[in-house]
Amino acid sequence: MAFFLSNLKMKKIIFYISCILCLILIINIFKILTNNLDKLNEYGFGYLVGKITLFVFFLVLAILTKKVT
């Protein structure tokens, strides 16, 4: 029983951390798109794609760990 409760707490922590990181990443992505889109070079586009990839990863993680009632 203790393992089950610990597992639920861990899923809850992972869910909230993923939500916070998604929020930070989406704000960062929108800042890049609104302010610096015309100044991006190859490395800038790679940075943007990396941010989008991380956002999708943490979004999927949050969806998988949310509590279904």
N, C-alpha and C. Protein backbone atom coordinates (compact mmCIF):
# COMPACT_ATOMS: atom_id res chain seq x y z
N MET A 1 0.82 -1.20 0.00
CA MET A 1 0.00 0.00 0.00
C MET A 1 0.86 1.26 0.00
N ALA A 2 1.99 1.24 0.72
CA ALA A 2 2.86 2.41 0.78
C ALA A 2 3.46 2.71 -0.59
N PHE A 3 3.79 1.67 -1.35
CA PHE A 3 4.33 1.88 -2.69
C PHE A 3 3.30 2.52 -3.59
N PHE A 4 2.05 2.12 -3.47
CA PHE A 4 0.98 2.67 -4.29
C PHE A 4 0.79 4.17 -4.01
N LEU A 5 0.81 4.55 -2.75
CA LEU A 5 0.67 5.95 -2.39
C LEU A 5 1.87 6.75 -2.87
N SER A 6 3.04 6.18 -2.76
CA SER A 6 4.25 6.85 -3.22
C SER A 6 4.21 7.04 -4.74
N ASN A 7 3.69 6.03 -5.45
CA ASN A 7 3.58 6.10 -6.89
C ASN A 7 2.61 7.20 -7.30
N LEU A 8 1.51 7.36 -6.58
CA LEU A 8 0.56 8.41 -6.89
C LEU A 8 1.15 9.79 -6.66
N LYS A 9 1.91 9.94 -5.57
CA LYS A 9 2.55 11.22 -5.30
C LYS A 9 3.58 11.56 -6.37
N MET A 10 4.32 10.55 -6.82
CA MET A 10 5.33 10.77 -7.84
C MET A 10 4.68 11.19 -9.16
N LYS A 11 3.56 10.55 -9.51
CA LYS A 11 2.85 10.93 -10.73
C LYS A 11 2.34 12.36 -10.64
N LYS A 12 1.88 12.74 -9.46
CA LYS A 12 1.37 14.10 -9.25
C LYS A 12 2.50 15.12 -9.39
N ILE A 13 3.66 14.81 -8.82
CA ILE A 13 4.81 15.71 -8.91
C ILE A 13 5.26 15.84 -10.36
N ILE A 14 5.34 14.73 -11.07
CA ILE A 14 5.75 14.75 -12.48
C ILE A 14 4.75 15.55 -13.31
N PHE A 15 3.46 15.40 -13.02
CA PHE A 15 2.43 16.14 -13.75
C PHE A 15 2.60 17.64 -13.56
N TYR A 16 2.76 18.09 -12.32
CA TYR A 16 2.87 19.52 -12.06
C TYR A 16 4.17 20.11 -12.61
N ILE A 17 5.26 19.39 -12.50
CA ILE A 17 6.52 19.87 -13.07
C ILE A 17 6.42 19.96 -14.58
N SER A 18 5.78 18.97 -15.21
CA SER A 18 5.60 19.00 -16.66
C SER A 18 4.72 20.17 -17.08
N CYS A 19 3.68 20.45 -16.33
CA CYS A 19 2.80 21.59 -16.64
C CYS A 19 3.55 22.91 -16.54
N ILE A 20 4.35 23.06 -15.50
CA ILE A 20 5.13 24.29 -15.33
C ILE A 20 6.14 24.46 -16.45
N LEU A 21 6.82 23.38 -16.81
CA LEU A 21 7.79 23.45 -17.90
C LEU A 21 7.11 23.74 -19.24
N CYS A 22 5.94 23.17 -19.46
CA CYS A 22 5.19 23.47 -20.69
C CYS A 22 4.84 24.95 -20.76
N LEU A 23 4.42 25.51 -19.65
CA LEU A 23 4.08 26.93 -19.62
C LEU A 23 5.30 27.80 -19.91
N ILE A 24 6.43 27.48 -19.29
CA ILE A 24 7.66 28.24 -19.53
C ILE A 24 8.09 28.12 -20.98
N LEU A 25 8.04 26.91 -21.52
CA LEU A 25 8.47 26.70 -22.90
C LEU A 25 7.56 27.39 -23.90
N ILE A 26 6.25 27.37 -23.69
CA ILE A 26 5.34 28.00 -24.65
C ILE A 26 5.52 29.52 -24.61
N ILE A 27 5.79 30.09 -23.44
CA ILE A 27 6.06 31.53 -23.36
C ILE A 27 7.35 31.85 -24.10
N ASN A 28 8.38 31.03 -23.93
CA ASN A 28 9.65 31.23 -24.61
C ASN A 28 9.49 31.11 -26.12
N ILE A 29 8.72 30.12 -26.58
CA ILE A 29 8.49 29.93 -28.01
C ILE A 29 7.77 31.14 -28.60
N PHE A 30 6.75 31.63 -27.92
CA PHE A 30 6.02 32.79 -28.43
C PHE A 30 6.89 34.04 -28.44
N LYS A 31 7.77 34.20 -27.46
CA LYS A 31 8.70 35.33 -27.46
C LYS A 31 9.63 35.27 -28.67
N ILE A 32 10.13 34.08 -28.96
CA ILE A 32 11.02 33.92 -30.11
C ILE A 32 10.26 34.20 -31.40
N LEU A 33 9.04 33.68 -31.52
CA LEU A 33 8.27 33.88 -32.75
C LEU A 33 7.85 35.33 -32.95
N THR A 34 7.53 36.04 -31.89
CA THR A 34 7.06 37.41 -32.05
C THR A 34 8.19 38.42 -32.17
N ASN A 35 9.30 38.21 -31.48
CA ASN A 35 10.36 39.22 -31.46
C ASN A 35 11.50 38.95 -32.42
N ASN A 36 11.89 37.70 -32.60
CA ASN A 36 13.14 37.40 -33.30
C ASN A 36 12.98 36.51 -34.52
N LEU A 37 11.80 36.37 -35.07
CA LEU A 37 11.61 35.44 -36.18
C LEU A 37 12.39 35.88 -37.42
N ASP A 38 12.43 37.18 -37.68
CA ASP A 38 13.14 37.66 -38.87
C ASP A 38 14.66 37.60 -38.72
N LYS A 39 15.16 37.50 -37.50
CA LYS A 39 16.61 37.48 -37.24
C LYS A 39 17.18 36.08 -37.10
N LEU A 40 16.35 35.05 -37.19
CA LEU A 40 16.82 33.68 -36.94
C LEU A 40 17.67 33.18 -38.11
N ASN A 41 18.79 32.55 -37.78
CA ASN A 41 19.60 31.86 -38.77
C ASN A 41 19.41 30.36 -38.60
N GLU A 42 20.29 29.56 -39.18
CA GLU A 42 20.15 28.09 -39.08
C GLU A 42 20.16 27.63 -37.62
N TYR A 43 21.05 28.18 -36.83
CA TYR A 43 21.16 27.77 -35.44
C TYR A 43 19.95 28.23 -34.63
N GLY A 44 19.42 29.39 -34.97
CA GLY A 44 18.23 29.89 -34.29
C GLY A 44 17.01 29.02 -34.58
N PHE A 45 16.89 28.57 -35.84
CA PHE A 45 15.77 27.68 -36.17
C PHE A 45 15.93 26.33 -35.47
N GLY A 46 17.18 25.86 -35.35
CA GLY A 46 17.43 24.63 -34.61
C GLY A 46 17.07 24.77 -33.15
N TYR A 47 17.39 25.93 -32.57
CA TYR A 47 17.04 26.21 -31.18
C TYR A 47 15.53 26.23 -31.01
N LEU A 48 14.83 26.85 -31.96
CA LEU A 48 13.37 26.91 -31.90
C LEU A 48 12.75 25.53 -32.03
N VAL A 49 13.26 24.73 -32.94
CA VAL A 49 12.75 23.36 -33.10
C VAL A 49 13.01 22.53 -31.85
N GLY A 50 14.16 22.74 -31.21
CA GLY A 50 14.46 22.04 -29.96
C GLY A 50 13.49 22.43 -28.86
N LYS A 51 13.17 23.72 -28.76
CA LYS A 51 12.20 24.17 -27.76
C LYS A 51 10.82 23.56 -28.03
N ILE A 52 10.42 23.53 -29.30
CA ILE A 52 9.12 22.96 -29.65
C ILE A 52 9.10 21.47 -29.33
N THR A 53 10.20 20.78 -29.60
CA THR A 53 10.29 19.35 -29.29
C THR A 53 10.17 19.10 -27.79
N LEU A 54 10.87 19.91 -26.99
CA LEU A 54 10.76 19.78 -25.54
C LEU A 54 9.34 20.07 -25.06
N PHE A 55 8.70 21.07 -25.66
CA PHE A 55 7.33 21.39 -25.28
C PHE A 55 6.40 20.21 -25.55
N VAL A 56 6.54 19.60 -26.72
CA VAL A 56 5.69 18.44 -27.06
C VAL A 56 5.97 17.28 -26.11
N PHE A 57 7.24 17.05 -25.79
CA PHE A 57 7.60 15.97 -24.88
C PHE A 57 6.96 16.16 -23.51
N PHE A 58 7.09 17.36 -22.94
CA PHE A 58 6.53 17.60 -21.61
C PHE A 58 5.01 17.65 -21.65
N LEU A 59 4.42 18.06 -22.76
CA LEU A 59 2.97 18.04 -22.89
C LEU A 59 2.46 16.60 -22.90
N VAL A 60 3.12 15.73 -23.64
CA VAL A 60 2.73 14.31 -23.67
C VAL A 60 2.92 13.69 -22.28
N LEU A 61 4.01 14.05 -21.61
CA LEU A 61 4.26 13.53 -20.26
C LEU A 61 3.17 13.98 -19.30
N ALA A 62 2.74 15.24 -19.42
CA ALA A 62 1.67 15.74 -18.55
C ALA A 62 0.35 15.04 -18.85
N ILE A 63 0.08 14.79 -20.12
CA ILE A 63 -1.16 14.11 -20.49
C ILE A 63 -1.16 12.67 -19.97
N LEU A 64 -0.02 12.01 -20.05
CA LEU A 64 0.08 10.61 -19.60
C LEU A 64 0.01 10.48 -18.09
N THR A 65 0.43 11.49 -17.34
CA THR A 65 0.46 11.37 -15.89
C THR A 65 -0.73 12.03 -15.19
N LYS A 66 -1.60 12.66 -15.97
CA LYS A 66 -2.75 13.30 -15.31
C LYS A 66 -3.67 12.23 -14.73
N LYS A 67 -4.38 12.61 -13.71
CA LYS A 67 -5.30 11.69 -13.04
C LYS A 67 -6.62 11.68 -13.78
N VAL A 68 -7.03 10.50 -14.20
CA VAL A 68 -8.30 10.35 -14.90
C VAL A 68 -9.37 9.97 -13.87
N THR A 69 -10.42 10.78 -13.80
CA THR A 69 -11.47 10.48 -12.83
C THR A 69 -12.77 10.15 -13.53
